[in-house]
Amino acid sequence: MAGTVESTKPGTLESIKHWPKATKDYFNELRAEMRRVTWPNAQQVRATTAVVILTVFAFGAFFQIVDSILNHTIARISEVLAK
């Protein structure tokens, strides 16, 4: 057949043979990358955790207020339209 293209992809068995080496390489690279990570100390973790918790409560309060205002507004509109 004219114009046949040969596949350059390795066969399934060939790719399976490379899994152990690829897996080992992956974990070696992962270990090396984790050594380069700058980990926060306990004080930094506590401080950022406190900021996150306070922010969550602030947003919760904000959305509660907005929800109350919208609920009241919609209730008033419904009363006016029902008359």
PDB file of N, CA and C in Angstrom:
ATOM      1  N   MET A   1       0.841  -1.157   0.000  1.00  0.00           N
ATOM      2  CA  MET A   1       0.000   0.000   0.000  1.00  0.00           C
ATOM      3  C   MET A   1       0.896   1.234   0.000  1.00  0.00           C
ATOM      4  N   ALA A   2       0.642   2.179  -0.843  1.00  0.00           N
ATOM      5  CA  ALA A   2       1.457   3.377  -0.955  1.00  0.00           C
ATOM      6  C   ALA A   2       1.135   4.337   0.185  1.00  0.00           C
ATOM      7  N   GLY A   3       2.148   5.024   0.704  1.00  0.00           N
ATOM      8  CA  GLY A   3       1.952   6.029   1.741  1.00  0.00           C
ATOM      9  C   GLY A   3       1.786   5.446   3.130  1.00  0.00           C
ATOM     10  N   THR A   4       2.224   4.230   3.364  1.00  0.00           N
ATOM     11  CA  THR A   4       2.120   3.636   4.684  1.00  0.00           C
ATOM     12  C   THR A   4       3.125   4.299   5.625  1.00  0.00           C
ATOM     13  N   VAL A   5       2.665   4.658   6.797  1.00  0.00           N
ATOM     14  CA  VAL A   5       3.523   5.311   7.790  1.00  0.00           C
ATOM     15  C   VAL A   5       3.850   4.293   8.862  1.00  0.00           C
ATOM     16  N   GLU A   6       5.147   4.152   9.158  1.00  0.00           N
ATOM     17  CA  GLU A   6       5.553   3.228  10.217  1.00  0.00           C
ATOM     18  C   GLU A   6       5.366   3.898  11.573  1.00  0.00           C
ATOM     19  N   SER A   7       4.937   3.135  12.525  1.00  0.00           N
ATOM     20  CA  SER A   7       4.743   3.651  13.873  1.00  0.00           C
ATOM     21  C   SER A   7       6.085   3.693  14.594  1.00  0.00           C
ATOM     22  N   THR A   8       6.384   4.814  15.225  1.00  0.00           N
ATOM     23  CA  THR A   8       7.629   4.929  15.975  1.00  0.00           C
ATOM     24  C   THR A   8       7.396   4.731  17.471  1.00  0.00           C
ATOM     25  N   LYS A   9       6.142   4.498  17.867  1.00  0.00           N
ATOM     26  CA  LYS A   9       5.848   4.266  19.272  1.00  0.00           C
ATOM     27  C   LYS A   9       6.319   2.878  19.663  1.00  0.00           C
ATOM     28  N   PRO A  10       6.932   2.760  20.843  1.00  0.00           N
ATOM     29  CA  PRO A  10       7.336   1.439  21.290  1.00  0.00           C
ATOM     30  C   PRO A  10       6.106   0.594  21.611  1.00  0.00           C
ATOM     31  N   GLY A  11       6.261  -0.690  21.516  1.00  0.00           N
ATOM     32  CA  GLY A  11       5.162  -1.593  21.814  1.00  0.00           C
ATOM     33  C   GLY A  11       4.844  -1.607  23.293  1.00  0.00           C
ATOM     34  N   THR A  12       3.753  -2.244  23.623  1.00  0.00           N
ATOM     35  CA  THR A  12       3.312  -2.289  25.008  1.00  0.00           C
ATOM     36  C   THR A  12       4.343  -2.960  25.899  1.00  0.00           C
ATOM     37  N   LEU A  13       4.907  -4.067  25.416  1.00  0.00           N
ATOM     38  CA  LEU A  13       5.911  -4.770  26.223  1.00  0.00           C
ATOM     39  C   LEU A  13       7.157  -3.920  26.431  1.00  0.00           C
ATOM     40  N   GLU A  14       7.541  -3.167  25.429  1.00  0.00           N
ATOM     41  CA  GLU A  14       8.712  -2.292  25.562  1.00  0.00           C
ATOM     42  C   GLU A  14       8.457  -1.203  26.602  1.00  0.00           C
ATOM     43  N   SER A  15       7.249  -0.643  26.584  1.00  0.00           N
ATOM     44  CA  SER A  15       6.960   0.430  27.534  1.00  0.00           C
ATOM     45  C   SER A  15       6.851  -0.115  28.955  1.00  0.00           C
ATOM     46  N   ILE A  16       6.363  -1.332  29.104  1.00  0.00           N
ATOM     47  CA  ILE A  16       6.269  -1.938  30.434  1.00  0.00           C
ATOM     48  C   ILE A  16       7.658  -2.173  31.014  1.00  0.00           C
ATOM     49  N   LYS A  17       8.612  -2.498  30.178  1.00  0.00           N
ATOM     50  CA  LYS A  17       9.982  -2.735  30.654  1.00  0.00           C
ATOM     51  C   LYS A  17      10.588  -1.468  31.250  1.00  0.00           C
ATOM     52  N   HIS A  18      10.138  -0.304  30.801  1.00  0.00           N
ATOM     53  CA  HIS A  18      10.703   0.956  31.276  1.00  0.00           C
ATOM     54  C   HIS A  18      10.017   1.490  32.535  1.00  0.00           C
ATOM     55  N   TRP A  19       8.906   0.903  32.965  1.00  0.00           N
ATOM     56  CA  TRP A  19       8.179   1.384  34.129  1.00  0.00           C
ATOM     57  C   TRP A  19       9.017   1.401  35.404  1.00  0.00           C
ATOM     58  N   PRO A  20       9.727   0.318  35.740  1.00  0.00           N
ATOM     59  CA  PRO A  20      10.495   0.348  36.991  1.00  0.00           C
ATOM     60  C   PRO A  20      11.530   1.478  37.005  1.00  0.00           C
ATOM     61  N   LYS A  21      12.246   1.672  35.917  1.00  0.00           N
ATOM     62  CA  LYS A  21      13.255   2.735  35.869  1.00  0.00           C
ATOM     63  C   LYS A  21      12.584   4.101  35.930  1.00  0.00           C
ATOM     64  N   ALA A  22      11.496   4.271  35.188  1.00  0.00           N
ATOM     65  CA  ALA A  22      10.790   5.548  35.189  1.00  0.00           C
ATOM     66  C   ALA A  22      10.236   5.858  36.581  1.00  0.00           C
ATOM     67  N   THR A  23       9.726   4.843  37.262  1.00  0.00           N
ATOM     68  CA  THR A  23       9.190   5.038  38.606  1.00  0.00           C
ATOM     69  C   THR A  23      10.308   5.416  39.575  1.00  0.00           C
ATOM     70  N   LYS A  24      11.431   4.729  39.483  1.00  0.00           N
ATOM     71  CA  LYS A  24      12.574   5.037  40.344  1.00  0.00           C
ATOM     72  C   LYS A  24      13.072   6.458  40.073  1.00  0.00           C
ATOM     73  N   ASP A  25      13.167   6.844  38.813  1.00  0.00           N
ATOM     74  CA  ASP A  25      13.601   8.198  38.460  1.00  0.00           C
ATOM     75  C   ASP A  25      12.629   9.242  39.017  1.00  0.00           C
ATOM     76  N   TYR A  26      11.342   8.951  38.909  1.00  0.00           N
ATOM     77  CA  TYR A  26      10.337   9.876  39.420  1.00  0.00           C
ATOM     78  C   TYR A  26      10.515  10.106  40.912  1.00  0.00           C
ATOM     79  N   PHE A  27      10.671   9.032  41.686  1.00  0.00           N
ATOM     80  CA  PHE A  27      10.815   9.172  43.127  1.00  0.00           C
ATOM     81  C   PHE A  27      12.134   9.829  43.506  1.00  0.00           C
ATOM     82  N   ASN A  28      13.191   9.585  42.751  1.00  0.00           N
ATOM     83  CA  ASN A  28      14.459  10.265  43.018  1.00  0.00           C
ATOM     84  C   ASN A  28      14.328  11.770  42.771  1.00  0.00           C
ATOM     85  N   GLU A  29      13.653  12.150  41.686  1.00  0.00           N
ATOM     86  CA  GLU A  29      13.435  13.570  41.393  1.00  0.00           C
ATOM     87  C   GLU A  29      12.512  14.208  42.432  1.00  0.00           C
ATOM     88  N   LEU A  30      11.513  13.451  42.873  1.00  0.00           N
ATOM     89  CA  LEU A  30      10.603  13.944  43.900  1.00  0.00           C
ATOM     90  C   LEU A  30      11.361  14.206  45.197  1.00  0.00           C
ATOM     91  N   ARG A  31      12.201  13.278  45.598  1.00  0.00           N
ATOM     92  CA  ARG A  31      12.991  13.429  46.818  1.00  0.00           C
ATOM     93  C   ARG A  31      13.904  14.657  46.714  1.00  0.00           C
ATOM     94  N   ALA A  32      14.554  14.833  45.569  1.00  0.00           N
ATOM     95  CA  ALA A  32      15.439  15.983  45.373  1.00  0.00           C
ATOM     96  C   ALA A  32      14.649  17.289  45.434  1.00  0.00           C
ATOM     97  N   GLU A  33      13.461  17.314  44.842  1.00  0.00           N
ATOM     98  CA  GLU A  33      12.636  18.525  44.860  1.00  0.00           C
ATOM     99  C   GLU A  33      12.169  18.842  46.276  1.00  0.00           C
ATOM    100  N   MET A  34      11.798  17.834  47.035  1.00  0.00           N
ATOM    101  CA  MET A  34      11.324  18.057  48.406  1.00  0.00           C
ATOM    102  C   MET A  34      12.444  18.581  49.301  1.00  0.00           C
ATOM    103  N   ARG A  35      13.684  18.263  49.005  1.00  0.00           N
ATOM    104  CA  ARG A  35      14.817  18.797  49.769  1.00  0.00           C
ATOM    105  C   ARG A  35      14.998  20.290  49.505  1.00  0.00           C
ATOM    106  N   ARG A  36      14.581  20.758  48.326  1.00  0.00           N
ATOM    107  CA  ARG A  36      14.730  22.173  47.978  1.00  0.00           C
ATOM    108  C   ARG A  36      13.591  23.039  48.513  1.00  0.00           C
ATOM    109  N   VAL A  37      12.551  22.418  49.052  1.00  0.00           N
ATOM    110  CA  VAL A  37      11.397  23.163  49.553  1.00  0.00           C
ATOM    111  C   VAL A  37      11.781  23.891  50.840  1.00  0.00           C
ATOM    112  N   THR A  38      11.347  25.140  50.938  1.00  0.00           N
ATOM    113  CA  THR A  38      11.537  25.902  52.171  1.00  0.00           C
ATOM    114  C   THR A  38      10.286  25.715  53.018  1.00  0.00           C
ATOM    115  N   TRP A  39      10.413  24.992  54.100  1.00  0.00           N
ATOM    116  CA  TRP A  39       9.273  24.684  54.948  1.00  0.00           C
ATOM    117  C   TRP A  39       9.076  25.775  55.986  1.00  0.00           C
ATOM    118  N   PRO A  40       7.833  26.169  56.272  1.00  0.00           N
ATOM    119  CA  PRO A  40       7.594  27.193  57.294  1.00  0.00           C
ATOM    120  C   PRO A  40       7.804  26.620  58.693  1.00  0.00           C
ATOM    121  N   ASN A  41       8.159  27.515  59.616  1.00  0.00           N
ATOM    122  CA  ASN A  41       8.301  27.044  60.996  1.00  0.00           C
ATOM    123  C   ASN A  41       6.925  27.062  61.664  1.00  0.00           C
ATOM    124  N   ALA A  42       6.856  26.588  62.908  1.00  0.00           N
ATOM    125  CA  ALA A  42       5.577  26.448  63.613  1.00  0.00           C
ATOM    126  C   ALA A  42       4.894  27.800  63.811  1.00  0.00           C
ATOM    127  N   GLN A  43       5.677  28.836  64.101  1.00  0.00           N
ATOM    128  CA  GLN A  43       5.098  30.160  64.316  1.00  0.00           C
ATOM    129  C   GLN A  43       4.444  30.689  63.039  1.00  0.00           C
ATOM    130  N   GLN A  44       5.071  30.480  61.900  1.00  0.00           N
ATOM    131  CA  GLN A  44       4.496  30.924  60.632  1.00  0.00           C
ATOM    132  C   GLN A  44       3.214  30.164  60.319  1.00  0.00           C
ATOM    133  N   VAL A  45       3.199  28.879  60.616  1.00  0.00           N
ATOM    134  CA  VAL A  45       2.002  28.073  60.362  1.00  0.00           C
ATOM    135  C   VAL A  45       0.849  28.550  61.233  1.00  0.00           C
ATOM    136  N   ARG A  46       1.131  28.819  62.531  1.00  0.00           N
ATOM    137  CA  ARG A  46       0.081  29.313  63.423  1.00  0.00           C
ATOM    138  C   ARG A  46      -0.461  30.659  62.945  1.00  0.00           C
ATOM    139  N   ALA A  47       0.432  31.546  62.523  1.00  0.00           N
ATOM    140  CA  ALA A  47       0.010  32.883  62.083  1.00  0.00           C
ATOM    141  C   ALA A  47      -0.861  32.806  60.834  1.00  0.00           C
ATOM    142  N   THR A  48      -0.442  32.027  59.847  1.00  0.00           N
ATOM    143  CA  THR A  48      -1.245  31.937  58.622  1.00  0.00           C
ATOM    144  C   THR A  48      -2.553  31.197  58.871  1.00  0.00           C
ATOM    145  N   THR A  49      -2.543  30.241  59.774  1.00  0.00           N
ATOM    146  CA  THR A  49      -3.779  29.532  60.120  1.00  0.00           C
ATOM    147  C   THR A  49      -4.764  30.501  60.770  1.00  0.00           C
ATOM    148  N   ALA A  50      -4.273  31.350  61.665  1.00  0.00           N
ATOM    149  CA  ALA A  50      -5.140  32.333  62.322  1.00  0.00           C
ATOM    150  C   ALA A  50      -5.729  33.296  61.290  1.00  0.00           C
ATOM    151  N   VAL A  51      -4.925  33.734  60.341  1.00  0.00           N
ATOM    152  CA  VAL A  51      -5.415  34.641  59.299  1.00  0.00           C
ATOM    153  C   VAL A  51      -6.508  33.957  58.477  1.00  0.00           C
ATOM    154  N   VAL A  52      -6.306  32.714  58.138  1.00  0.00           N
ATOM    155  CA  VAL A  52      -7.305  31.985  57.349  1.00  0.00           C
ATOM    156  C   VAL A  52      -8.604  31.843  58.129  1.00  0.00           C
ATOM    157  N   ILE A  53      -8.512  31.477  59.400  1.00  0.00           N
ATOM    158  CA  ILE A  53      -9.725  31.291  60.210  1.00  0.00           C
ATOM    159  C   ILE A  53     -10.476  32.608  60.365  1.00  0.00           C
ATOM    160  N   LEU A  54      -9.754  33.684  60.656  1.00  0.00           N
ATOM    161  CA  LEU A  54     -10.405  34.991  60.792  1.00  0.00           C
ATOM    162  C   LEU A  54     -11.045  35.434  59.482  1.00  0.00           C
ATOM    163  N   THR A  55     -10.378  35.187  58.377  1.00  0.00           N
ATOM    164  CA  THR A  55     -10.924  35.555  57.074  1.00  0.00           C
ATOM    165  C   THR A  55     -12.191  34.771  56.766  1.00  0.00           C
ATOM    166  N   VAL A  56     -12.203  33.495  57.090  1.00  0.00           N
ATOM    167  CA  VAL A  56     -13.399  32.673  56.861  1.00  0.00           C
ATOM    168  C   VAL A  56     -14.580  33.215  57.668  1.00  0.00           C
ATOM    169  N   PHE A  57     -14.332  33.556  58.953  1.00  0.00           N
ATOM    170  CA  PHE A  57     -15.417  34.112  59.765  1.00  0.00           C
ATOM    171  C   PHE A  57     -15.871  35.471  59.243  1.00  0.00           C
ATOM    172  N   ALA A  58     -14.934  36.301  58.791  1.00  0.00           N
ATOM    173  CA  ALA A  58     -15.299  37.610  58.249  1.00  0.00           C
ATOM    174  C   ALA A  58     -16.171  37.459  57.003  1.00  0.00           C
ATOM    175  N   PHE A  59     -15.779  36.557  56.093  1.00  0.00           N
ATOM    176  CA  PHE A  59     -16.591  36.335  54.899  1.00  0.00           C
ATOM    177  C   PHE A  59     -17.948  35.733  55.268  1.00  0.00           C
ATOM    178  N   GLY A  60     -17.959  34.843  56.249  1.00  0.00           N
ATOM    179  CA  GLY A  60     -19.225  34.263  56.698  1.00  0.00           C
ATOM    180  C   GLY A  60     -20.175  35.330  57.216  1.00  0.00           C
ATOM    181  N   ALA A  61     -19.645  36.254  58.027  1.00  0.00           N
ATOM    182  CA  ALA A  61     -20.467  37.338  58.564  1.00  0.00           C
ATOM    183  C   ALA A  61     -20.953  38.246  57.434  1.00  0.00           C
ATOM    184  N   PHE A  62     -20.060  38.558  56.511  1.00  0.00           N
ATOM    185  CA  PHE A  62     -20.441  39.408  55.369  1.00  0.00           C
ATOM    186  C   PHE A  62     -21.573  38.775  54.573  1.00  0.00           C
ATOM    187  N   PHE A  63     -21.440  37.503  54.258  1.00  0.00           N
ATOM    188  CA  PHE A  63     -22.482  36.841  53.466  1.00  0.00           C
ATOM    189  C   PHE A  63     -23.777  36.683  54.256  1.00  0.00           C
ATOM    190  N   GLN A  64     -23.695  36.544  55.580  1.00  0.00           N
ATOM    191  CA  GLN A  64     -24.907  36.486  56.406  1.00  0.00           C
ATOM    192  C   GLN A  64     -25.652  37.811  56.328  1.00  0.00           C
ATOM    193  N   ILE A  65     -24.912  38.917  56.411  1.00  0.00           N
ATOM    194  CA  ILE A  65     -25.536  40.239  56.327  1.00  0.00           C
ATOM    195  C   ILE A  65     -26.159  40.455  54.954  1.00  0.00           C
ATOM    196  N   VAL A  66     -25.420  40.130  53.899  1.00  0.00           N
ATOM    197  CA  VAL A  66     -25.955  40.290  52.541  1.00  0.00           C
ATOM    198  C   VAL A  66     -27.180  39.408  52.349  1.00  0.00           C
ATOM    199  N   ASP A  67     -27.139  38.190  52.866  1.00  0.00           N
ATOM    200  CA  ASP A  67     -28.278  37.277  52.739  1.00  0.00           C
ATOM    201  C   ASP A  67     -29.501  37.827  53.467  1.00  0.00           C
ATOM    202  N   SER A  68     -29.289  38.376  54.653  1.00  0.00           N
ATOM    203  CA  SER A  68     -30.411  38.952  55.411  1.00  0.00           C
ATOM    204  C   SER A  68     -31.030  40.127  54.667  1.00  0.00           C
ATOM    205  N   ILE A  69     -30.175  40.999  54.134  1.00  0.00           N
ATOM    206  CA  ILE A  69     -30.679  42.157  53.385  1.00  0.00           C
ATOM    207  C   ILE A  69     -31.467  41.707  52.158  1.00  0.00           C
ATOM    208  N   LEU A  70     -30.914  40.775  51.403  1.00  0.00           N
ATOM    209  CA  LEU A  70     -31.618  40.292  50.206  1.00  0.00           C
ATOM    210  C   LEU A  70     -32.919  39.592  50.574  1.00  0.00           C
ATOM    211  N   ASN A  71     -32.899  38.803  51.629  1.00  0.00           N
ATOM    212  CA  ASN A  71     -34.099  38.090  52.067  1.00  0.00           C
ATOM    213  C   ASN A  71     -35.190  39.083  52.465  1.00  0.00           C
ATOM    214  N   HIS A  72     -34.819  40.088  53.216  1.00  0.00           N
ATOM    215  CA  HIS A  72     -35.780  41.108  53.632  1.00  0.00           C
ATOM    216  C   HIS A  72     -36.319  41.859  52.415  1.00  0.00           C
ATOM    217  N   THR A  73     -35.447  42.233  51.493  1.00  0.00           N
ATOM    218  CA  THR A  73     -35.850  42.967  50.295  1.00  0.00           C
ATOM    219  C   THR A  73     -36.815  42.153  49.441  1.00  0.00           C
ATOM    220  N   ILE A  74     -36.495  40.910  49.222  1.00  0.00           N
ATOM    221  CA  ILE A  74     -37.360  40.044  48.408  1.00  0.00           C
ATOM    222  C   ILE A  74     -38.706  39.819  49.098  1.00  0.00           C
ATOM    223  N   ALA A  75     -38.690  39.681  50.427  1.00  0.00           N
ATOM    224  CA  ALA A  75     -39.951  39.518  51.157  1.00  0.00           C
ATOM    225  C   ALA A  75     -40.821  40.756  51.007  1.00  0.00           C
ATOM    226  N   ARG A  76     -40.225  41.945  51.100  1.00  0.00           N
ATOM    227  CA  ARG A  76     -40.983  43.182  50.939  1.00  0.00           C
ATOM    228  C   ARG A  76     -41.542  43.308  49.523  1.00  0.00           C
ATOM    229  N   ILE A  77     -40.738  42.946  48.512  1.00  0.00           N
ATOM    230  CA  ILE A  77     -41.204  43.003  47.122  1.00  0.00           C
ATOM    231  C   ILE A  77     -42.371  42.038  46.923  1.00  0.00           C
ATOM    232  N   SER A  78     -42.272  40.860  47.504  1.00  0.00           N
ATOM    233  CA  SER A  78     -43.354  39.877  47.394  1.00  0.00           C
ATOM    234  C   SER A  78     -44.634  40.387  48.032  1.00  0.00           C
ATOM    235  N   GLU A  79     -44.512  41.072  49.184  1.00  0.00           N
ATOM    236  CA  GLU A  79     -45.698  41.637  49.856  1.00  0.00           C
ATOM    237  C   GLU A  79     -46.361  42.693  48.981  1.00  0.00           C
ATOM    238  N   VAL A  80     -45.536  43.544  48.389  1.00  0.00           N
ATOM    239  CA  VAL A  80     -46.073  44.626  47.554  1.00  0.00           C
ATOM    240  C   VAL A  80     -46.762  44.059  46.320  1.00  0.00           C
ATOM    241  N   LEU A  81     -46.154  43.055  45.695  1.00  0.00           N
ATOM    242  CA  LEU A  81     -46.728  42.468  44.481  1.00  0.00           C
ATOM    243  C   LEU A  81     -47.947  41.615  44.772  1.00  0.00           C
ATOM    244  N   ALA A  82     -48.056  41.097  45.998  1.00  0.00           N
ATOM    245  CA  ALA A  82     -49.182  40.229  46.342  1.00  0.00           C
ATOM    246  C   ALA A  82     -50.459  41.040  46.568  1.00  0.00           C
ATOM    247  N   LYS A  83     -50.341  42.316  46.840  1.00  0.00           N
ATOM    248  CA  LYS A  83     -51.535  43.161  47.096  1.00  0.00           C
ATOM    249  C   LYS A  83     -52.276  43.491  45.840  1.00  0.00           C
TER     250      LYS A  83
END
